[in-house]
C-alpha atoms as a PDB file:
ATOM      1  CA  MET A   1      41.047 121.681  48.277  1.00  0.00           C
ATOM      2  CA  LYS A   2      41.113 119.924  52.147  1.00  0.00           C
ATOM      3  CA  THR A   3      44.295 120.413  54.094  1.00  0.00           C
ATOM      4  CA  ASN A   4      44.956 118.600  57.026  1.00  0.00           C
ATOM      5  CA  THR A   5      46.316 120.236  60.448  1.00  0.00           C
ATOM      6  CA  TYR A   6      49.287 118.938  61.433  1.00  0.00           C
ATOM      7  CA  TYR A   7      50.148 118.583  65.299  1.00  0.00           C
ATOM      8  CA  ASN A   8      53.171 117.681  66.982  1.00  0.00           C
ATOM      9  CA  SER A   9      53.272 114.355  68.461  1.00  0.00           C
ATOM     10  CA  ASP A  10      55.389 111.441  69.172  1.00  0.00           C
ATOM     11  CA  LEU A  11      53.692 109.521  66.318  1.00  0.00           C
ATOM     12  CA  ALA A  12      55.872 109.683  63.239  1.00  0.00           C
ATOM     13  CA  ILE A  13      53.558 111.268  60.660  1.00  0.00           C
ATOM     14  CA  PRO A  14      55.105 110.194  57.191  1.00  0.00           C
ATOM     15  CA  PRO A  15      55.399 113.482  55.013  1.00  0.00           C
ATOM     16  CA  GLY A  16      55.425 110.925  52.130  1.00  0.00           C
ATOM     17  CA  GLU A  17      52.010 109.425  53.260  1.00  0.00           C
ATOM     18  CA  TYR A  18      50.397 113.207  53.480  1.00  0.00           C
ATOM     19  CA  LEU A  19      51.887 113.836  50.313  1.00  0.00           C
ATOM     20  CA  GLN A  20      50.186 110.979  48.163  1.00  0.00           C
ATOM     21  CA  GLU A  21      46.802 111.650  49.869  1.00  0.00           C
ATOM     22  CA  VAL A  22      47.276 115.423  48.745  1.00  0.00           C
ATOM     23  CA  ILE A  23      47.872 113.965  44.778  1.00  0.00           C
ATOM     24  CA  ASP A  24      44.890 111.308  45.227  1.00  0.00           C
ATOM     25  CA  GLU A  25      42.404 114.466  46.278  1.00  0.00           C
ATOM     26  CA  LEU A  26      43.620 116.065  42.892  1.00  0.00           C
ATOM     27  CA  GLY A  27      43.614 113.253  40.675  1.00  0.00           C
ATOM     28  CA  MET A  28      47.072 113.067  39.871  1.00  0.00           C
ATOM     29  CA  SER A  29      49.543 110.374  39.680  1.00  0.00           C
ATOM     30  CA  GLN A  30      53.013 110.725  40.988  1.00  0.00           C
ATOM     31  CA  THR A  31      54.362 110.785  37.285  1.00  0.00           C
ATOM     32  CA  GLU A  32      51.974 113.780  37.011  1.00  0.00           C
ATOM     33  CA  LEU A  33      53.478 115.400  40.070  1.00  0.00           C
ATOM     34  CA  ALA A  34      56.976 114.615  39.094  1.00  0.00           C
ATOM     35  CA  LYS A  35      56.576 116.012  35.317  1.00  0.00           C
ATOM     36  CA  ARG A  36      54.683 119.360  36.853  1.00  0.00           C
ATOM     37  CA  MET A  37      57.857 119.637  39.053  1.00  0.00           C
ATOM     38  CA  GLY A  38      60.513 118.639  36.910  1.00  0.00           C
ATOM     39  CA  ARG A  39      61.472 116.049  38.571  1.00  0.00           C
ATOM     40  CA  PRO A  40      62.135 112.328  37.869  1.00  0.00           C
ATOM     41  CA  THR A  41      59.285 109.849  38.803  1.00  0.00           C
ATOM     42  CA  GLN A  42      61.444 107.645  40.736  1.00  0.00           C
ATOM     43  CA  ALA A  43      62.190 110.774  43.209  1.00  0.00           C
ATOM     44  CA  ILE A  44      58.742 111.456  43.764  1.00  0.00           C
ATOM     45  CA  ASN A  45      58.041 107.915  44.545  1.00  0.00           C
ATOM     46  CA  GLU A  46      61.047 107.871  47.426  1.00  0.00           C
ATOM     47  CA  ILE A  47      59.292 110.903  49.006  1.00  0.00           C
ATOM     48  CA  VAL A  48      56.207 108.802  48.891  1.00  0.00           C
ATOM     49  CA  ARG A  49      58.180 105.944  50.703  1.00  0.00           C
ATOM     50  CA  CYS A  50      59.800 108.381  53.196  1.00  0.00           C
ATOM     51  CA  GLU A  51      63.266 106.997  51.868  1.00  0.00           C
ATOM     52  CA  LYS A  52      63.681 110.774  50.502  1.00  0.00           C
ATOM     53  CA  ALA A  53      63.764 113.691  52.510  1.00  0.00           C
ATOM     54  CA  ILE A  54      61.848 116.747  51.342  1.00  0.00           C
ATOM     55  CA  THR A  55      64.002 119.773  50.853  1.00  0.00           C
ATOM     56  CA  PRO A  56      63.385 123.076  51.299  1.00  0.00           C
ATOM     57  CA  GLU A  57      63.501 123.621  47.344  1.00  0.00           C
ATOM     58  CA  THR A  58      61.061 120.560  46.861  1.00  0.00           C
ATOM     59  CA  ALA A  59      58.820 121.985  49.674  1.00  0.00           C
ATOM     60  CA  ILE A  60      58.592 125.377  47.198  1.00  0.00           C
ATOM     61  CA  GLN A  61      58.051 123.457  44.163  1.00  0.00           C
ATOM     62  CA  LEU A  62      54.823 121.078  46.609  1.00  0.00           C
ATOM     63  CA  GLU A  63      53.706 124.444  47.074  1.00  0.00           C
ATOM     64  CA  ASP A  64      53.762 125.756  43.684  1.00  0.00           C
ATOM     65  CA  VAL A  65      51.717 122.415  42.050  1.00  0.00           C
ATOM     66  CA  THR A  66      49.765 121.162  45.355  1.00  0.00           C
ATOM     67  CA  GLY A  67      48.890 124.520  46.659  1.00  0.00           C
ATOM     68  CA  VAL A  68      49.768 123.409  49.768  1.00  0.00           C
ATOM     69  CA  PRO A  69      52.223 126.086  51.712  1.00  0.00           C
ATOM     70  CA  SER A  70      55.853 124.944  51.939  1.00  0.00           C
ATOM     71  CA  PRO A  71      56.099 125.094  55.527  1.00  0.00           C
ATOM     72  CA  ILE A  72      53.581 122.473  55.905  1.00  0.00           C
ATOM     73  CA  TRP A  73      55.763 120.229  53.908  1.00  0.00           C
ATOM     74  CA  ASN A  74      58.959 121.261  56.136  1.00  0.00           C
ATOM     75  CA  GLY A  75      57.262 120.974  59.133  1.00  0.00           C
ATOM     76  CA  LEU A  76      56.145 117.793  58.432  1.00  0.00           C
ATOM     77  CA  GLU A  77      59.526 116.353  57.424  1.00  0.00           C
ATOM     78  CA  ALA A  78      61.426 117.768  60.399  1.00  0.00           C
ATOM     79  CA  GLU A  79      59.201 116.558  62.802  1.00  0.00           C
ATOM     80  CA  PHE A  80      59.257 113.314  61.094  1.00  0.00           C
ATOM     81  CA  ARG A  81      62.877 112.895  60.893  1.00  0.00           C
ATOM     82  CA  LEU A  82      63.460 114.424  64.521  1.00  0.00           C
ATOM     83  CA  ILE A  83      60.473 112.028  65.881  1.00  0.00           C
ATOM     84  CA  LEU A  84      62.666 108.794  64.103  1.00  0.00           C
ATOM     85  CA  ALA A  85      65.633 110.157  65.539  1.00  0.00           C
ATOM     86  CA  LYS A  86      63.903 110.163  69.207  1.00  0.00           C
ATOM     87  CA  GLN A  87      62.941 106.938  68.769  1.00  0.00           C
ATOM     88  CA  ARG A  88      66.667 105.567  67.927  1.00  0.00           C
ATOM     89  CA  GLU A  89      67.826 107.692  70.593  1.00  0.00           C
ATOM     90  CA  VAL A  90      65.756 104.959  72.702  1.00  0.00           C
ATOM     91  CA  GLN A  91      66.955 102.348  71.588  1.00  0.00           C
ATOM     92  CA  ASN A  92      70.542 103.471  72.449  1.00  0.00           C
ATOM     93  CA  LEU A  93      69.992 104.915  75.808  1.00  0.00           C
ATOM     94  CA  ALA A  94      68.170 101.296  76.217  1.00  0.00           C
ATOM     95  CA  SER A  95      71.653  99.570  74.825  1.00  0.00           C
ATOM     96  CA  GLU A  96      73.729 102.245  77.187  1.00  0.00           C
ATOM     97  CA  THR A  97      71.681 100.836  80.396  1.00  0.00           C
ATOM     98  CA  ALA A  98      74.658  97.698  80.268  1.00  0.00           C
ATOM     99  CA  LEU A  99      77.294 100.322  81.189  1.00  0.00           C
ATOM    100  CA  VAL A 100      75.269 101.825  84.143  1.00  0.00           C
ATOM    101  CA  ALA A 101      76.714  99.322  86.590  1.00  0.00           C
ATOM    102  CA  GLN A 102      80.247 100.001  85.924  1.00  0.00           C
ATOM    103  CA  PHE A 103      79.604 103.689  87.798  1.00  0.00           C
ATOM    104  CA  PRO A 104      79.109 104.020  91.239  1.00  0.00           C
ATOM    105  CA  TYR A 105      76.201 106.244  90.682  1.00  0.00           C
ATOM    106  CA  THR A 106      74.416 106.220  94.256  1.00  0.00           C
ATOM    107  CA  GLN A 107      77.687 107.819  95.562  1.00  0.00           C
ATOM    108  CA  ILE A 108      77.970 110.064  92.621  1.00  0.00           C
ATOM    109  CA  ALA A 109      74.290 111.541  93.359  1.00  0.00           C
ATOM    110  CA  LYS A 110      75.218 111.785  96.670  1.00  0.00           C
ATOM    111  CA  LEU A 111      77.365 114.234  96.436  1.00  0.00           C
ATOM    112  CA  GLY A 112      75.154 116.401  94.298  1.00  0.00           C
ATOM    113  CA  PHE A 113      76.423 115.528  90.729  1.00  0.00           C
ATOM    114  CA  LEU A 114      73.492 113.293  89.739  1.00  0.00           C
ATOM    115  CA  ARG A 115      69.776 113.042  90.372  1.00  0.00           C
ATOM    116  CA  LYS A 116      68.681 110.320  92.372  1.00  0.00           C
ATOM    117  CA  THR A 117      66.735 108.189  90.735  1.00  0.00           C
ATOM    118  CA  ARG A 118      66.322 103.961  90.259  1.00  0.00           C
ATOM    119  CA  HIS A 119      65.314 104.375  86.610  1.00  0.00           C
ATOM    120  CA  ALA A 120      68.228 102.459  84.313  1.00  0.00           C
ATOM    121  CA  ILE A 121      67.650 104.791  81.155  1.00  0.00           C
ATOM    122  CA  GLU A 122      67.042 107.778  83.469  1.00  0.00           C
ATOM    123  CA  LYS A 123      70.836 107.147  84.566  1.00  0.00           C
ATOM    124  CA  VAL A 124      71.919 106.785  81.164  1.00  0.00           C
ATOM    125  CA  THR A 125      70.954 110.476  80.384  1.00  0.00           C
ATOM    126  CA  GLU A 126      71.813 111.655  84.173  1.00  0.00           C
ATOM    127  CA  LEU A 127      75.640 110.274  83.357  1.00  0.00           C
ATOM    128  CA  ARG A 128      75.533 111.730  79.508  1.00  0.00           C
ATOM    129  CA  ARG A 129      74.745 115.146  81.035  1.00  0.00           C
ATOM    130  CA  PHE A 130      77.309 114.562  83.712  1.00  0.00           C
ATOM    131  CA  PHE A 131      80.206 113.692  81.579  1.00  0.00           C
ATOM    132  CA  GLY A 132      78.820 116.249  78.720  1.00  0.00           C
ATOM    133  CA  VAL A 133      78.482 112.915  75.991  1.00  0.00           C
ATOM    134  CA  ALA A 134      76.004 112.298  73.397  1.00  0.00           C
ATOM    135  CA  SER A 135      76.729 108.753  74.288  1.00  0.00           C
ATOM    136  CA  LEU A 136      78.626 106.619  77.307  1.00  0.00           C
ATOM    137  CA  TYR A 137      80.235 104.459  74.709  1.00  0.00           C
ATOM    138  CA  ASN A 138      82.459 107.639  73.534  1.00  0.00           C
ATOM    139  CA  LEU A 139      83.949 108.244  77.064  1.00  0.00           C
ATOM    140  CA  GLU A 140      87.066 105.857  76.401  1.00  0.00           C
ATOM    141  CA  THR A 141      87.856 108.412  73.687  1.00  0.00           C
ATOM    142  CA  VAL A 142      87.375 111.850  75.296  1.00  0.00           C
ATOM    143  CA  ASP A 143      90.781 113.581  75.320  1.00  0.00           C
ATOM    144  CA  GLY A 144      92.268 113.427  79.544  1.00  0.00           C
ATOM    145  CA  TYR A 145      90.344 110.030  80.213  1.00  0.00           C
ATOM    146  CA  GLU A 146      92.711 108.083  78.822  1.00  0.00           C
ATOM    147  CA  PRO A 147      95.020 107.742  82.025  1.00  0.00           C
ATOM    148  CA  ALA A 148      92.065 106.451  83.586  1.00  0.00           C
ATOM    149  CA  PHE A 149      91.330 103.675  81.585  1.00  0.00           C
ATOM    150  CA  ARG A 150      94.547 102.524  81.175  1.00  0.00           C
ATOM    151  CA  GLN A 151      94.689 102.641  85.060  1.00  0.00           C
ATOM    152  CA  GLY A 152      91.571 100.416  85.295  1.00  0.00           C
ATOM    153  CA  LYS A 153      92.774  97.815  82.790  1.00  0.00           C
ATOM    154  CA  GLY A 154      93.937  94.893  84.588  1.00  0.00           C
ATOM    155  CA  GLY A 155      93.978  96.000  87.798  1.00  0.00           C
ATOM    156  CA  LYS A 156      90.822  95.904  90.863  1.00  0.00           C
ATOM    157  CA  ALA A 157      90.605  99.757  89.982  1.00  0.00           C
ATOM    158  CA  SER A 158      87.454 100.398  87.777  1.00  0.00           C
ATOM    159  CA  SER A 159      87.793 102.923  84.631  1.00  0.00           C
ATOM    160  CA  TYR A 160      84.515 104.123  84.788  1.00  0.00           C
ATOM    161  CA  ALA A 161      84.956 105.096  88.738  1.00  0.00           C
ATOM    162  CA  LEU A 162      87.953 106.820  88.005  1.00  0.00           C
ATOM    163  CA  ILE A 163      86.487 109.159  85.317  1.00  0.00           C
ATOM    164  CA  ALA A 164      83.635 109.892  87.388  1.00  0.00           C
ATOM    165  CA  TRP A 165      86.262 110.979  90.039  1.00  0.00           C
ATOM    166  CA  LEU A 166      87.926 112.925  87.081  1.00  0.00           C
ATOM    167  CA  ARG A 167      84.798 114.590  86.224  1.00  0.00           C
ATOM    168  CA  MET A 168      83.911 115.720  89.582  1.00  0.00           C
ATOM    169  CA  ALA A 169      87.006 117.205  89.541  1.00  0.00           C
ATOM    170  CA  GLU A 170      86.588 118.912  86.559  1.00  0.00           C
ATOM    171  CA  ILE A 171      83.440 120.495  87.180  1.00  0.00           C
ATOM    172  CA  LYS A 172      84.517 122.202  90.488  1.00  0.00           C
ATOM    173  CA  ALA A 173      88.073 123.001  89.407  1.00  0.00           C
ATOM    174  CA  ARG A 174      86.010 125.379  86.595  1.00  0.00           C
ATOM    175  CA  ALA A 175      83.927 126.918  89.195  1.00  0.00           C
ATOM    176  CA  VAL A 176      88.117 127.980  90.949  1.00  0.00           C
ATOM    177  CA  ASP A 177      88.636 132.059  90.591  1.00  0.00           C
ATOM    178  CA  CYS A 178      92.259 131.682  90.070  1.00  0.00           C
ATOM    179  CA  ALA A 179      95.328 133.233  88.275  1.00  0.00           C
ATOM    180  CA  SER A 180      96.770 131.558  85.433  1.00  0.00           C
ATOM    181  CA  PHE A 181      99.658 128.992  86.223  1.00  0.00           C
ATOM    182  CA  ASN A 182     102.873 130.436  86.652  1.00  0.00           C
ATOM    183  CA  ALA A 183     105.630 127.897  87.793  1.00  0.00           C
ATOM    184  CA  ASN A 184     108.240 130.314  88.841  1.00  0.00           C
ATOM    185  CA  GLN A 185     105.380 131.565  91.391  1.00  0.00           C
ATOM    186  CA  LEU A 186     104.609 127.613  92.463  1.00  0.00           C
ATOM    187  CA  LYS A 187     108.481 127.246  93.096  1.00  0.00           C
ATOM    188  CA  PHE A 188     108.633 130.449  95.503  1.00  0.00           C
ATOM    189  CA  THR A 189     105.566 129.119  97.451  1.00  0.00           C
ATOM    190  CA  LEU A 190     106.797 125.791  97.845  1.00  0.00           C
ATOM    191  CA  PRO A 191     108.256 126.414 101.528  1.00  0.00           C
ATOM    192  CA  PRO A 192     105.368 128.187 102.883  1.00  0.00           C
ATOM    193  CA  ILE A 193     103.169 125.215 101.593  1.00  0.00           C
ATOM    194  CA  ARG A 194     105.580 122.931 103.148  1.00  0.00           C
ATOM    195  CA  ALA A 195     105.176 125.222 106.523  1.00  0.00           C
ATOM    196  CA  LEU A 196     101.869 123.972 106.630  1.00  0.00           C
ATOM    197  CA  THR A 197     102.642 120.483 107.449  1.00  0.00           C
ATOM    198  CA  GLN A 198     102.775 121.289 111.066  1.00  0.00           C
ATOM    199  CA  LYS A 199      98.988 122.670 111.289  1.00  0.00           C
ATOM    200  CA  THR A 200      95.645 121.188 111.113  1.00  0.00           C
ATOM    201  CA  PRO A 201      93.473 120.876 108.552  1.00  0.00           C
ATOM    202  CA  ASP A 202      90.785 123.551 109.781  1.00  0.00           C
ATOM    203  CA  PHE A 203      93.967 125.865 109.565  1.00  0.00           C
ATOM    204  CA  PHE A 204      96.171 124.839 106.645  1.00  0.00           C
ATOM    205  CA  LEU A 205      93.069 124.224 104.206  1.00  0.00           C
ATOM    206  CA  PRO A 206      92.249 127.565 103.262  1.00  0.00           C
ATOM    207  CA  VAL A 207      95.805 128.543 103.610  1.00  0.00           C
ATOM    208  CA  LEU A 208      96.631 125.979 101.119  1.00  0.00           C
ATOM    209  CA  ASN A 209      93.485 126.813  98.669  1.00  0.00           C
ATOM    210  CA  GLU A 210      94.878 130.571  98.870  1.00  0.00           C
ATOM    211  CA  LEU A 211      98.669 130.010  98.048  1.00  0.00           C
ATOM    212  CA  LEU A 212      97.884 127.512  95.276  1.00  0.00           C
ATOM    213  CA  GLY A 213      95.469 130.192  93.930  1.00  0.00           C
ATOM    214  CA  LYS A 214      97.685 132.536  93.435  1.00  0.00           C
ATOM    215  CA  CYS A 215     100.064 130.329  91.479  1.00  0.00           C
ATOM    216  CA  GLY A 216      97.402 129.283  89.128  1.00  0.00           C
ATOM    217  CA  VAL A 217      96.556 125.944  90.692  1.00  0.00           C
ATOM    218  CA  ALA A 218      92.995 125.140  91.634  1.00  0.00           C
ATOM    219  CA  PHE A 219      93.550 122.730  94.245  1.00  0.00           C
ATOM    220  CA  ILE A 220      90.223 120.236  94.924  1.00  0.00           C
ATOM    221  CA  LEU A 221      90.107 117.736  97.692  1.00  0.00           C
ATOM    222  CA  GLN A 222      87.134 115.273  97.197  1.00  0.00           C
ATOM    223  CA  PRO A 223      85.856 112.160  98.687  1.00  0.00           C
ATOM    224  CA  HIS A 224      87.273 109.241  97.077  1.00  0.00           C
ATOM    225  CA  LEU A 225      84.882 106.734  95.215  1.00  0.00           C
ATOM    226  CA  PRO A 226      84.483 103.002  95.228  1.00  0.00           C
ATOM    227  CA  LYS A 227      86.966 100.830  93.110  1.00  0.00           C
ATOM    228  CA  THR A 228      88.849 104.406  92.112  1.00  0.00           C
ATOM    229  CA  TYR A 229      91.490 103.780  94.618  1.00  0.00           C
ATOM    230  CA  ALA A 230      92.711 107.311  93.637  1.00  0.00           C
ATOM    231  CA  HIS A 231      95.073 109.530  95.722  1.00  0.00           C
ATOM    232  CA  GLY A 232      95.470 112.184  93.889  1.00  0.00           C
ATOM    233  CA  ALA A 233      95.441 113.763  89.947  1.00  0.00           C
ATOM    234  CA  THR A 234      96.747 116.546  88.253  1.00  0.00           C
ATOM    235  CA  PHE A 235      95.737 118.195  84.824  1.00  0.00           C
ATOM    236  CA  PHE A 236      95.197 121.359  82.925  1.00  0.00           C
ATOM    237  CA  LEU A 237      92.274 123.254  82.316  1.00  0.00           C
ATOM    238  CA  GLY A 238      92.529 126.097  79.967  1.00  0.00           C
ATOM    239  CA  GLU A 239      95.163 128.456  81.551  1.00  0.00           C
ATOM    240  CA  LYS A 240      95.027 126.696  85.447  1.00  0.00           C
ATOM    241  CA  ALA A 241      96.555 123.745  86.796  1.00  0.00           C
ATOM    242  CA  VAL A 242      94.341 121.206  88.538  1.00  0.00           C
ATOM    243  CA  LEU A 243      95.627 119.359  91.651  1.00  0.00           C
ATOM    244  CA  VAL A 244      92.980 117.150  92.908  1.00  0.00           C
ATOM    245  CA  MET A 245      93.355 115.217  96.601  1.00  0.00           C
ATOM    246  CA  SER A 246      91.285 112.062  97.736  1.00  0.00           C
ATOM    247  CA  ILE A 247      90.095 111.968 101.297  1.00  0.00           C
ATOM    248  CA  ARG A 248      90.702 108.057 100.942  1.00  0.00           C
ATOM    249  CA  GLY A 249      93.168 108.128 103.408  1.00  0.00           C
ATOM    250  CA  ALA A 250      93.996 109.892 106.820  1.00  0.00           C
ATOM    251  CA  TRP A 251      97.406 109.807 107.300  1.00  0.00           C
ATOM    252  CA  ALA A 252      98.900 113.364 107.278  1.00  0.00           C
ATOM    253  CA  ASP A 253     102.484 112.261 106.161  1.00  0.00           C
ATOM    254  CA  VAL A 254     100.610 110.286 103.045  1.00  0.00           C
ATOM    255  CA  PHE A 255      98.571 113.340 102.236  1.00  0.00           C
ATOM    256  CA  TRP A 256     101.447 115.848 102.705  1.00  0.00           C
ATOM    257  CA  PHE A 257     103.908 113.265 100.414  1.00  0.00           C
ATOM    258  CA  SER A 258     101.268 112.901  97.885  1.00  0.00           C
ATOM    259  CA  LEU A 259     100.113 116.660  97.776  1.00  0.00           C
ATOM    260  CA  PHE A 260     103.897 116.921  96.715  1.00  0.00           C
ATOM    261  CA  HIS A 261     104.291 114.326  94.311  1.00  0.00           C
ATOM    262  CA  GLU A 262     101.161 116.020  92.146  1.00  0.00           C
ATOM    263  CA  ILE A 263     102.877 119.486  92.592  1.00  0.00           C
ATOM    264  CA  GLY A 264     105.908 117.419  91.174  1.00  0.00           C
ATOM    265  CA  HIS A 265     104.115 116.799  88.172  1.00  0.00           C
ATOM    266  CA  ILE A 266     102.704 119.886  87.494  1.00  0.00           C
ATOM    267  CA  LEU A 267     106.396 121.389  87.456  1.00  0.00           C
ATOM    268  CA  LEU A 268     108.309 118.973  86.227  1.00  0.00           C
ATOM    269  CA  HIS A 269     106.077 117.205  83.308  1.00  0.00           C
ATOM    270  CA  SER A 270     104.343 118.307  80.154  1.00  0.00           C
ATOM    271  CA  LYS A 271     100.861 120.264  80.422  1.00  0.00           C
ATOM    272  CA  ARG A 272      99.106 117.969  78.101  1.00  0.00           C
ATOM    273  CA  GLN A 273      99.571 114.870  80.425  1.00  0.00           C
ATOM    274  CA  ARG A 274      97.634 114.048  82.946  1.00  0.00           C
ATOM    275  CA  PHE A 275      98.221 111.961  86.010  1.00  0.00           C
ATOM    276  CA  VAL A 276      96.051 109.638  88.196  1.00  0.00           C
ATOM    277  CA  GLU A 277      98.048 108.394  90.972  1.00  0.00           C
ATOM    278  CA  ASN A 278      96.255 105.287  92.416  1.00  0.00           C
ATOM    279  CA  ASP A 279      97.313 101.809  93.580  1.00  0.00           C
ATOM    280  CA  ALA A 280      97.737 100.212  90.197  1.00  0.00           C
ATOM    281  CA  LEU A 281     100.905 102.025  88.955  1.00  0.00           C
ATOM    282  CA  ASP A 282     101.033 102.967  85.037  1.00  0.00           C
ATOM    283  CA  PRO A 283     104.220 101.065  83.793  1.00  0.00           C
ATOM    284  CA  ALA A 284     104.472 103.724  80.967  1.00  0.00           C
ATOM    285  CA  LEU A 285     104.575 106.669  83.536  1.00  0.00           C
ATOM    286  CA  GLN A 286     107.234 105.262  85.714  1.00  0.00           C
ATOM    287  CA  LYS A 287     109.643 107.571  85.099  1.00  0.00           C
ATOM    288  CA  GLN A 288     107.530 110.485  85.331  1.00  0.00           C
ATOM    289  CA  GLU A 289     106.607 109.125  88.934  1.00  0.00           C
ATOM    290  CA  ASP A 290     110.020 108.799  90.068  1.00  0.00           C
ATOM    291  CA  GLU A 291     110.872 111.868  89.048  1.00  0.00           C
ATOM    292  CA  ALA A 292     107.515 112.994  91.306  1.00  0.00           C
ATOM    293  CA  ASP A 293     108.641 110.951  94.043  1.00  0.00           C
ATOM    294  CA  ALA A 294     111.744 112.407  94.131  1.00  0.00           C
ATOM    295  CA  PHE A 295     110.640 115.963  94.007  1.00  0.00           C
ATOM    296  CA  ALA A 296     108.019 115.476  96.645  1.00  0.00           C
ATOM    297  CA  GLN A 297     111.284 113.716  99.113  1.00  0.00           C
ATOM    298  CA  GLU A 298     113.516 116.537  98.273  1.00  0.00           C
ATOM    299  CA  THR A 299     110.903 118.967  98.872  1.00  0.00           C
ATOM    300  CA  LEU A 300     109.668 117.768 102.121  1.00  0.00           C
ATOM    301  CA  ILE A 301     113.407 116.851 103.142  1.00  0.00           C
ATOM    302  CA  PRO A 302     116.464 118.041 101.335  1.00  0.00           C
ATOM    303  CA  SER A 303     118.531 115.008 100.746  1.00  0.00           C
ATOM    304  CA  LYS A 304     121.648 116.256 102.424  1.00  0.00           C
ATOM    305  CA  HIS A 305     119.683 116.831 105.510  1.00  0.00           C
ATOM    306  CA  TRP A 306     118.212 113.179 105.097  1.00  0.00           C
ATOM    307  CA  GLN A 307     121.358 111.040 104.488  1.00  0.00           C
ATOM    308  CA  ALA A 308     122.696 112.891 107.681  1.00  0.00           C
ATOM    309  CA  PHE A 309     120.270 112.221 109.777  1.00  0.00           C
ATOM    310  CA  VAL A 310     119.643 108.653 109.092  1.00  0.00           C
ATOM    311  CA  THR A 311     123.985 108.095 109.022  1.00  0.00           C
ATOM    312  CA  LYS A 312     123.882 108.498 112.831  1.00  0.00           C
ATOM    313  CA  GLY A 313     120.847 105.780 112.784  1.00  0.00           C
ATOM    314  CA  GLU A 314     118.970 107.065 116.198  1.00  0.00           C
ATOM    315  CA  PHE A 315     115.565 107.275 115.587  1.00  0.00           C
ATOM    316  CA  SER A 316     114.262 107.810 118.906  1.00  0.00           C
ATOM    317  CA  ILE A 317     110.621 109.800 119.455  1.00  0.00           C
ATOM    318  CA  GLN A 318     112.674 112.648 120.792  1.00  0.00           C
ATOM    319  CA  ASN A 319     115.426 112.578 117.695  1.00  0.00           C
ATOM    320  CA  ILE A 320     112.257 112.466 115.313  1.00  0.00           C
ATOM    321  CA  GLN A 321     110.896 115.819 116.654  1.00  0.00           C
ATOM    322  CA  GLY A 322     114.370 117.430 117.002  1.00  0.00           C
ATOM    323  CA  PHE A 323     114.796 116.533 113.191  1.00  0.00           C
ATOM    324  CA  ALA A 324     111.811 117.465 112.151  1.00  0.00           C
ATOM    325  CA  ASP A 325     111.571 120.902 114.348  1.00  0.00           C
ATOM    326  CA  GLU A 326     115.164 121.592 112.867  1.00  0.00           C
ATOM    327  CA  MET A 327     113.656 120.846 109.335  1.00  0.00           C
ATOM    328  CA  GLY A 328     110.379 122.879 110.184  1.00  0.00           C
ATOM    329  CA  ILE A 329     107.990 119.952 109.112  1.00  0.00           C
ATOM    330  CA  ALA A 330     105.569 117.656 111.212  1.00  0.00           C
ATOM    331  CA  PRO A 331     107.465 114.979 112.648  1.00  0.00           C
ATOM    332  CA  GLY A 332     104.842 112.232 111.198  1.00  0.00           C
ATOM    333  CA  ILE A 333     106.698 112.904 107.811  1.00  0.00           C
ATOM    334  CA  VAL A 334     109.722 111.926 109.369  1.00  0.00           C
ATOM    335  CA  THR A 335     108.698 108.597 110.710  1.00  0.00           C
ATOM    336  CA  GLY A 336     106.888 108.295 107.383  1.00  0.00           C
ATOM    337  CA  PHE A 337     110.381 108.497 105.640  1.00  0.00           C
ATOM    338  CA  LEU A 338     111.785 106.281 107.998  1.00  0.00           C
ATOM    339  CA  ARG A 339     109.388 103.779 107.626  1.00  0.00           C
ATOM    340  CA  HIS A 340     109.326 103.954 103.703  1.00  0.00           C
ATOM    341  CA  HIS A 341     112.982 103.379 103.825  1.00  0.00           C
ATOM    342  CA  GLN A 342     112.696 100.560 105.965  1.00  0.00           C
ATOM    343  CA  TYR A 343     114.501 101.969 108.948  1.00  0.00           C
ATOM    344  CA  LEU A 344     111.475 101.976 111.132  1.00  0.00           C
ATOM    345  CA  PRO A 345     109.123  98.915 111.140  1.00  0.00           C
ATOM    346  CA  MET A 346     105.731  99.542 109.510  1.00  0.00           C
ATOM    347  CA  SER A 347     104.248  99.047 112.944  1.00  0.00           C
ATOM    348  CA  ASN A 348     105.861 102.243 114.201  1.00  0.00           C
ATOM    349  CA  HIS A 349     103.694 105.090 114.532  1.00  0.00           C
ATOM    350  CA  SER A 350     105.325 107.393 116.388  1.00  0.00           C
ATOM    351  CA  HIS A 351     104.001 111.265 116.016  1.00  0.00           C
ATOM    352  CA  ARG A 352     101.798 110.012 112.725  1.00  0.00           C
ATOM    353  CA  VAL A 353      98.605 111.769 113.141  1.00  0.00           C
ATOM    354  CA  GLN A 354      94.924 110.957 110.993  1.00  0.00           C
ATOM    355  CA  TYR A 355      93.312 113.887 109.824  1.00  0.00           C
ATOM    356  CA  GLN A 356      89.440 114.056 109.951  1.00  0.00           C
ATOM    357  CA  TRP A 357      88.308 115.601 107.064  1.00  0.00           C
ATOM    358  CA  VAL A 358      85.218 117.734 106.449  1.00  0.00           C
ATOM    359  CA  VAL A 359      84.582 117.940 102.855  1.00  0.00           C
END
């Protein structure tokens, strides 16, 4: 009896068609084949029409009756189903191209997280790999991305840009070798971190990384992405906490307040919550945000010292510098607090400095 040689290809060869060819050569009807196999005729007919898959048990029976080895039947069936799945996947990829425009693909690619390409379907494939999902439509259900989708609703921020920014931080944080998170160690380390406010980025960044790493906090400083408006974020990965800061802004006082705000989230709030700080405050998290703000302010300038300073009402350049020296912090932070609490006009930038980030 003639047997066909089977080759892998992108053409789906229905195993049922091959089965019909075999039994035709044997002069056998579907009914007779069914009787010889001890199966209902309807089951054989469904296999021939490829409505029913050839199972390993069926493949063995077909070998016994037709003489065609069971691996041939198994191989035909597996390859046929795989090719059909690939064809469906092409359709799925095409349907997801509509989502590509939601992501700042070019900027993410420039940062090395995605392969540069102009083809929409290739972008879908790259984005799936980047996020580790089988479909971009699954992103809204992925644990940890809910805050980004809440922040993006009704505001100017893009949920998809925010989750891309978070994903970049996740990937970087997984590569950070640090201790397991220790809240007491982090509290103990707050004063030396605070003292770094008087230093320049080229000095304080490596020290800050080291200090936080010993506390089990992976510190990530990364560029913002268009339409994220992100200042910072905190979340946990296994035994490590992750603190992400955007280099969207350059003002030093804003950076340090935001940093201690994020540390406040890590120390005060649940490990299961993710906090994403951007220009659209999540109303559901107002209490936690207020607590983190209060923590940052108290850590940088304890309230008893702050009240004594503002009560005097003397906010000259010299007085600001003197108070900052007394507190052991950068004077620009004092100016930032005075501006925020409306003791100084927003046009006053005395002592404020802007960092030149190199990341």
